[in-house]
Amino acid sequence: MTDSKGSRGRAAAGKRQRLMAAAARVVHRQGADRTTIADIARAADVPVGNVYYYFKTKDELVAAALGEHARQLELLTGRLDRLPDPRERLKDLVEAWVGQRDLAARYGCPTGTLAVELDKRPEGGLDVEAGKVIRLLLDWVERQFRELGLPDPDELALTLVGAYQGMSLLANALRDPGVMLRQGARLTGWLDSLPGGTRL
């Protein structure tokens, strides 16, 4: 009996995770306002009626999409943290961004475009949540610059993350993934040119 409850619990957690991942994908492609609960249910292969068991409103699903962005960022930075050198971590981060160039050229940065859209809503709240996801990225990047022993690591983090947002925006506006390739190479060159080394 306990085993059956455990199986149901795992199935429910899996369904919830599928809905979160689907929400992140669909909202990125369509925007929050144009996305319906039915769109997300279809993408997750979950009956629409079942969605309400996990998420009562579309805004809860948008918040779940942001949660999925944060989860994906944590998976990426967790993988990068296994590299011994902070400069290599940052360069691999840029490589990961460039690896998403086709998606960025079609839809922009998943979190950045959503943050801009949510900021235009008359009612607040979710825009702040989007900002928190971007803050997670900034904080992680800042830690890498701090490990390199560089002055103003917070400003360097703003420069790097701002460059990513800019190249994603331009790649999307121009529908040109090559923007990400070229600017990614520039960012990698910039990171190589910075002084500093790992502090032991």
C-alpha atoms as a PDB file:
ATOM      1  CA  MET A   1       0.000   0.000   0.000  1.00  0.00           C
ATOM      2  CA  THR A   2       2.811   2.396   0.879  1.00  0.00           C
ATOM      3  CA  ASP A   3       4.526   1.402  -2.353  1.00  0.00           C
ATOM      4  CA  SER A   4       1.416   2.349  -4.312  1.00  0.00           C
ATOM      5  CA  LYS A   5       1.296   5.747  -2.568  1.00  0.00           C
ATOM      6  CA  GLY A   6       4.979   6.252  -3.351  1.00  0.00           C
ATOM      7  CA  SER A   7       4.366   5.443  -7.020  1.00  0.00           C
ATOM      8  CA  ARG A   8       1.460   7.887  -7.163  1.00  0.00           C
ATOM      9  CA  GLY A   9       3.600  10.553  -5.496  1.00  0.00           C
ATOM     10  CA  ARG A  10       6.417  10.035  -8.017  1.00  0.00           C
ATOM     11  CA  ALA A  11       3.927  10.097 -10.904  1.00  0.00           C
ATOM     12  CA  ALA A  12       2.416  13.356  -9.599  1.00  0.00           C
ATOM     13  CA  ALA A  13       5.871  14.916  -9.164  1.00  0.00           C
ATOM     14  CA  GLY A  14       6.791  13.813 -12.689  1.00  0.00           C
ATOM     15  CA  LYS A  15       3.603  15.300 -14.122  1.00  0.00           C
ATOM     16  CA  ARG A  16       4.189  18.574 -12.267  1.00  0.00           C
ATOM     17  CA  GLN A  17       7.759  18.706 -13.607  1.00  0.00           C
ATOM     18  CA  ARG A  18       6.510  18.031 -17.148  1.00  0.00           C
ATOM     19  CA  LEU A  19       4.059  20.908 -16.808  1.00  0.00           C
ATOM     20  CA  MET A  20       6.796  23.235 -15.546  1.00  0.00           C
ATOM     21  CA  ALA A  21       9.131  22.306 -18.408  1.00  0.00           C
ATOM     22  CA  ALA A  22       6.307  22.678 -20.939  1.00  0.00           C
ATOM     23  CA  ALA A  23       5.334  26.053 -19.464  1.00  0.00           C
ATOM     24  CA  ALA A  24       8.924  27.267 -19.834  1.00  0.00           C
ATOM     25  CA  ARG A  25       9.088  26.123 -23.491  1.00  0.00           C
ATOM     26  CA  VAL A  26       5.670  27.384 -24.567  1.00  0.00           C
ATOM     27  CA  VAL A  27       5.876  30.736 -22.758  1.00  0.00           C
ATOM     28  CA  HIS A  28       9.318  31.321 -24.311  1.00  0.00           C
ATOM     29  CA  ARG A  29       7.970  30.698 -27.795  1.00  0.00           C
ATOM     30  CA  GLN A  30       4.568  32.410 -27.511  1.00  0.00           C
ATOM     31  CA  GLY A  31       4.920  34.871 -24.642  1.00  0.00           C
ATOM     32  CA  ALA A  32       2.967  34.733 -21.391  1.00  0.00           C
ATOM     33  CA  ASP A  33      -0.062  36.671 -22.590  1.00  0.00           C
ATOM     34  CA  ARG A  34      -0.636  34.587 -25.733  1.00  0.00           C
ATOM     35  CA  THR A  35      -0.138  31.255 -23.975  1.00  0.00           C
ATOM     36  CA  THR A  36      -3.160  29.364 -22.669  1.00  0.00           C
ATOM     37  CA  ILE A  37      -3.351  26.636 -20.056  1.00  0.00           C
ATOM     38  CA  ALA A  38      -4.491  24.324 -22.866  1.00  0.00           C
ATOM     39  CA  ASP A  39      -1.296  25.106 -24.832  1.00  0.00           C
ATOM     40  CA  ILE A  40       0.834  24.072 -21.879  1.00  0.00           C
ATOM     41  CA  ALA A  41      -1.276  20.975 -21.157  1.00  0.00           C
ATOM     42  CA  ARG A  42      -0.908  19.884 -24.795  1.00  0.00           C
ATOM     43  CA  ALA A  43       2.880  20.432 -24.751  1.00  0.00           C
ATOM     44  CA  ALA A  44       3.169  18.443 -21.501  1.00  0.00           C
ATOM     45  CA  ASP A  45       0.836  15.684 -22.745  1.00  0.00           C
ATOM     46  CA  VAL A  46      -1.380  16.204 -19.698  1.00  0.00           C
ATOM     47  CA  PRO A  47      -5.202  16.454 -19.885  1.00  0.00           C
ATOM     48  CA  VAL A  48      -6.267  20.090 -19.411  1.00  0.00           C
ATOM     49  CA  GLY A  49      -8.472  19.208 -16.459  1.00  0.00           C
ATOM     50  CA  ASN A  50      -5.486  17.663 -14.644  1.00  0.00           C
ATOM     51  CA  VAL A  51      -3.482  20.892 -14.872  1.00  0.00           C
ATOM     52  CA  TYR A  52      -5.687  22.532 -12.228  1.00  0.00           C
ATOM     53  CA  TYR A  53      -4.645  19.890  -9.710  1.00  0.00           C
ATOM     54  CA  TYR A  54      -1.118  21.367  -9.864  1.00  0.00           C
ATOM     55  CA  PHE A  55      -1.637  24.980 -10.977  1.00  0.00           C
ATOM     56  CA  LYS A  56      -4.848  26.919 -10.372  1.00  0.00           C
ATOM     57  CA  THR A  57      -4.193  29.839 -12.749  1.00  0.00           C
ATOM     58  CA  LYS A  58      -2.153  30.704 -15.796  1.00  0.00           C
ATOM     59  CA  ASP A  59      -0.052  33.061 -13.671  1.00  0.00           C
ATOM     60  CA  GLU A  60       0.888  30.100 -11.473  1.00  0.00           C
ATOM     61  CA  LEU A  61       2.081  28.352 -14.628  1.00  0.00           C
ATOM     62  CA  VAL A  62       4.075  31.437 -15.660  1.00  0.00           C
ATOM     63  CA  ALA A  63       5.649  31.423 -12.190  1.00  0.00           C
ATOM     64  CA  ALA A  64       6.358  27.707 -12.729  1.00  0.00           C
ATOM     65  CA  ALA A  65       8.061  28.564 -16.036  1.00  0.00           C
ATOM     66  CA  LEU A  66      10.314  30.974 -14.148  1.00  0.00           C
ATOM     67  CA  GLY A  67      10.979  28.230 -11.611  1.00  0.00           C
ATOM     68  CA  GLU A  68      12.024  25.972 -14.469  1.00  0.00           C
ATOM     69  CA  HIS A  69      14.360  28.689 -15.810  1.00  0.00           C
ATOM     70  CA  ALA A  70      15.949  28.867 -12.340  1.00  0.00           C
ATOM     71  CA  ARG A  71      16.231  25.061 -12.196  1.00  0.00           C
ATOM     72  CA  GLN A  72      17.892  24.890 -15.624  1.00  0.00           C
ATOM     73  CA  LEU A  73      20.295  27.671 -14.613  1.00  0.00           C
ATOM     74  CA  GLU A  74      21.200  25.780 -11.433  1.00  0.00           C
ATOM     75  CA  LEU A  75      21.824  22.606 -13.453  1.00  0.00           C
ATOM     76  CA  LEU A  76      24.087  24.524 -15.829  1.00  0.00           C
ATOM     77  CA  THR A  77      26.034  26.365 -13.138  1.00  0.00           C
ATOM     78  CA  GLY A  78      26.284  23.157 -11.103  1.00  0.00           C
ATOM     79  CA  ARG A  79      27.921  21.475 -14.078  1.00  0.00           C
ATOM     80  CA  LEU A  80      30.214  24.470 -14.632  1.00  0.00           C
ATOM     81  CA  ASP A  81      31.183  24.532 -10.945  1.00  0.00           C
ATOM     82  CA  ARG A  82      32.874  21.164 -11.456  1.00  0.00           C
ATOM     83  CA  LEU A  83      35.501  22.906 -13.610  1.00  0.00           C
ATOM     84  CA  PRO A  84      38.525  23.893 -11.508  1.00  0.00           C
ATOM     85  CA  ASP A  85      39.142  27.326 -13.086  1.00  0.00           C
ATOM     86  CA  PRO A  86      36.621  30.204 -12.819  1.00  0.00           C
ATOM     87  CA  ARG A  87      37.746  31.676 -16.158  1.00  0.00           C
ATOM     88  CA  GLU A  88      36.997  28.350 -17.858  1.00  0.00           C
ATOM     89  CA  ARG A  89      33.609  28.280 -16.114  1.00  0.00           C
ATOM     90  CA  LEU A  90      32.781  31.696 -17.542  1.00  0.00           C
ATOM     91  CA  LYS A  91      33.996  30.737 -21.013  1.00  0.00           C
ATOM     92  CA  ASP A  92      31.902  27.570 -20.910  1.00  0.00           C
ATOM     93  CA  LEU A  93      28.914  29.682 -19.843  1.00  0.00           C
ATOM     94  CA  VAL A  94      29.393  31.827 -22.956  1.00  0.00           C
ATOM     95  CA  GLU A  95      29.700  28.637 -25.024  1.00  0.00           C
ATOM     96  CA  ALA A  96      26.391  27.416 -23.561  1.00  0.00           C
ATOM     97  CA  TRP A  97      24.736  30.714 -24.536  1.00  0.00           C
ATOM     98  CA  VAL A  98      26.129  30.477 -28.063  1.00  0.00           C
ATOM     99  CA  GLY A  99      24.912  26.872 -28.235  1.00  0.00           C
ATOM    100  CA  GLN A 100      21.357  28.231 -27.869  1.00  0.00           C
ATOM    101  CA  ARG A 101      21.813  30.731 -30.730  1.00  0.00           C
ATOM    102  CA  ASP A 102      19.095  29.318 -33.013  1.00  0.00           C
ATOM    103  CA  LEU A 103      16.549  29.464 -30.197  1.00  0.00           C
ATOM    104  CA  ALA A 104      17.688  32.969 -29.225  1.00  0.00           C
ATOM    105  CA  ALA A 105      17.414  34.157 -32.835  1.00  0.00           C
ATOM    106  CA  ARG A 106      13.792  32.985 -32.961  1.00  0.00           C
ATOM    107  CA  TYR A 107      12.585  33.904 -29.475  1.00  0.00           C
ATOM    108  CA  GLY A 108      15.267  35.835 -27.542  1.00  0.00           C
ATOM    109  CA  CYS A 109      16.594  34.984 -24.079  1.00  0.00           C
ATOM    110  CA  PRO A 110      13.975  32.894 -22.223  1.00  0.00           C
ATOM    111  CA  THR A 111      14.180  34.823 -18.955  1.00  0.00           C
ATOM    112  CA  GLY A 112      15.044  38.238 -20.395  1.00  0.00           C
ATOM    113  CA  THR A 113      12.145  38.352 -22.862  1.00  0.00           C
ATOM    114  CA  LEU A 114       9.732  37.118 -20.202  1.00  0.00           C
ATOM    115  CA  ALA A 115      10.986  39.736 -17.713  1.00  0.00           C
ATOM    116  CA  VAL A 116      10.343  42.497 -20.274  1.00  0.00           C
ATOM    117  CA  GLU A 117       6.867  41.180 -21.081  1.00  0.00           C
ATOM    118  CA  LEU A 118       5.880  40.819 -17.421  1.00  0.00           C
ATOM    119  CA  ASP A 119       7.148  44.304 -16.608  1.00  0.00           C
ATOM    120  CA  LYS A 120       4.552  45.743 -19.021  1.00  0.00           C
ATOM    121  CA  ARG A 121       1.645  44.247 -17.090  1.00  0.00           C
ATOM    122  CA  PRO A 122      -0.358  46.654 -14.933  1.00  0.00           C
ATOM    123  CA  GLU A 123      -0.343  44.203 -12.015  1.00  0.00           C
ATOM    124  CA  GLY A 124       3.069  43.402 -10.556  1.00  0.00           C
ATOM    125  CA  GLY A 125       4.693  40.438  -8.911  1.00  0.00           C
ATOM    126  CA  LEU A 126       5.816  38.083 -11.626  1.00  0.00           C
ATOM    127  CA  ASP A 127       8.205  40.681 -13.058  1.00  0.00           C
ATOM    128  CA  VAL A 128       9.982  40.659  -9.694  1.00  0.00           C
ATOM    129  CA  GLU A 129      10.204  36.852  -9.877  1.00  0.00           C
ATOM    130  CA  ALA A 130      11.803  37.103 -13.327  1.00  0.00           C
ATOM    131  CA  GLY A 131      14.320  39.561 -11.907  1.00  0.00           C
ATOM    132  CA  LYS A 132      15.221  37.031  -9.213  1.00  0.00           C
ATOM    133  CA  VAL A 133      16.185  34.458 -11.859  1.00  0.00           C
ATOM    134  CA  ILE A 134      18.440  36.998 -13.579  1.00  0.00           C
ATOM    135  CA  ARG A 135      19.898  37.874 -10.166  1.00  0.00           C
ATOM    136  CA  LEU A 136      20.821  34.183  -9.680  1.00  0.00           C
ATOM    137  CA  LEU A 137      22.866  34.362 -12.887  1.00  0.00           C
ATOM    138  CA  LEU A 138      24.481  37.672 -11.933  1.00  0.00           C
ATOM    139  CA  ASP A 139      25.445  36.352  -8.501  1.00  0.00           C
ATOM    140  CA  TRP A 140      27.013  33.219  -9.947  1.00  0.00           C
ATOM    141  CA  VAL A 141      28.988  35.205 -12.547  1.00  0.00           C
ATOM    142  CA  GLU A 142      30.099  37.684  -9.883  1.00  0.00           C
ATOM    143  CA  ARG A 143      31.478  34.806  -7.772  1.00  0.00           C
ATOM    144  CA  GLN A 144      33.618  33.664 -10.702  1.00  0.00           C
ATOM    145  CA  PHE A 145      35.142  37.117 -11.163  1.00  0.00           C
ATOM    146  CA  ARG A 146      35.713  37.355  -7.418  1.00  0.00           C
ATOM    147  CA  GLU A 147      37.528  34.000  -7.479  1.00  0.00           C
ATOM    148  CA  LEU A 148      39.763  35.406 -10.198  1.00  0.00           C
ATOM    149  CA  GLY A 149      40.686  38.179  -7.751  1.00  0.00           C
ATOM    150  CA  LEU A 150      39.460  40.924 -10.087  1.00  0.00           C
ATOM    151  CA  PRO A 151      38.310  44.325  -8.797  1.00  0.00           C
ATOM    152  CA  ASP A 152      34.598  45.221  -9.124  1.00  0.00           C
ATOM    153  CA  PRO A 153      33.367  41.673  -9.754  1.00  0.00           C
ATOM    154  CA  ASP A 154      29.757  42.896  -9.562  1.00  0.00           C
ATOM    155  CA  GLU A 155      30.363  45.358 -12.418  1.00  0.00           C
ATOM    156  CA  LEU A 156      32.147  42.723 -14.472  1.00  0.00           C
ATOM    157  CA  ALA A 157      29.156  40.429 -13.937  1.00  0.00           C
ATOM    158  CA  LEU A 158      26.820  43.155 -15.184  1.00  0.00           C
ATOM    159  CA  THR A 159      29.039  43.605 -18.243  1.00  0.00           C
ATOM    160  CA  LEU A 160      29.013  39.912 -19.112  1.00  0.00           C
ATOM    161  CA  VAL A 161      25.326  39.255 -18.447  1.00  0.00           C
ATOM    162  CA  GLY A 162      24.385  42.551 -20.122  1.00  0.00           C
ATOM    163  CA  ALA A 163      26.375  41.515 -23.196  1.00  0.00           C
ATOM    164  CA  TYR A 164      24.475  38.221 -23.260  1.00  0.00           C
ATOM    165  CA  GLN A 165      21.123  39.970 -23.025  1.00  0.00           C
ATOM    166  CA  GLY A 166      22.179  42.395 -25.759  1.00  0.00           C
ATOM    167  CA  MET A 167      23.367  39.723 -28.161  1.00  0.00           C
ATOM    168  CA  SER A 168      20.220  37.660 -27.547  1.00  0.00           C
ATOM    169  CA  LEU A 169      18.054  40.692 -28.250  1.00  0.00           C
ATOM    170  CA  LEU A 170      19.936  41.578 -31.432  1.00  0.00           C
ATOM    171  CA  ALA A 171      20.020  37.978 -32.666  1.00  0.00           C
ATOM    172  CA  ASN A 172      16.239  37.885 -32.164  1.00  0.00           C
ATOM    173  CA  ALA A 173      15.547  41.298 -33.704  1.00  0.00           C
ATOM    174  CA  LEU A 174      17.729  40.538 -36.733  1.00  0.00           C
ATOM    175  CA  ARG A 175      16.760  36.828 -36.839  1.00  0.00           C
ATOM    176  CA  ASP A 176      20.485  36.154 -37.118  1.00  0.00           C
ATOM    177  CA  PRO A 177      22.060  33.449 -34.925  1.00  0.00           C
ATOM    178  CA  GLY A 178      25.434  34.584 -36.273  1.00  0.00           C
ATOM    179  CA  VAL A 179      25.207  37.569 -33.916  1.00  0.00           C
ATOM    180  CA  MET A 180      25.532  35.134 -31.013  1.00  0.00           C
ATOM    181  CA  LEU A 181      28.506  33.399 -32.627  1.00  0.00           C
ATOM    182  CA  ARG A 182      30.385  36.627 -33.282  1.00  0.00           C
ATOM    183  CA  GLN A 183      29.609  38.264 -29.969  1.00  0.00           C
ATOM    184  CA  GLY A 184      30.270  35.028 -28.100  1.00  0.00           C
ATOM    185  CA  ALA A 185      33.770  34.926 -29.636  1.00  0.00           C
ATOM    186  CA  ARG A 186      34.297  38.542 -28.541  1.00  0.00           C
ATOM    187  CA  LEU A 187      33.219  37.739 -24.996  1.00  0.00           C
ATOM    188  CA  THR A 188      35.535  34.731 -24.861  1.00  0.00           C
ATOM    189  CA  GLY A 189      38.412  36.918 -26.071  1.00  0.00           C
ATOM    190  CA  TRP A 190      37.540  39.530 -23.439  1.00  0.00           C
ATOM    191  CA  LEU A 191      37.536  36.887 -20.687  1.00  0.00           C
ATOM    192  CA  ASP A 192      40.939  35.623 -21.888  1.00  0.00           C
ATOM    193  CA  SER A 193      42.332  39.171 -21.803  1.00  0.00           C
ATOM    194  CA  LEU A 194      41.380  39.788 -18.165  1.00  0.00           C
ATOM    195  CA  PRO A 195      44.141  39.477 -15.568  1.00  0.00           C
ATOM    196  CA  GLY A 196      43.794  37.293 -12.511  1.00  0.00           C
ATOM    197  CA  GLY A 197      44.103  33.695 -11.570  1.00  0.00           C
ATOM    198  CA  THR A 198      42.516  31.260  -9.209  1.00  0.00           C
ATOM    199  CA  ARG A 199      43.166  32.077  -5.588  1.00  0.00           C
ATOM    200  CA  LEU A 200      44.145  28.963  -3.656  1.00  0.00           C
END
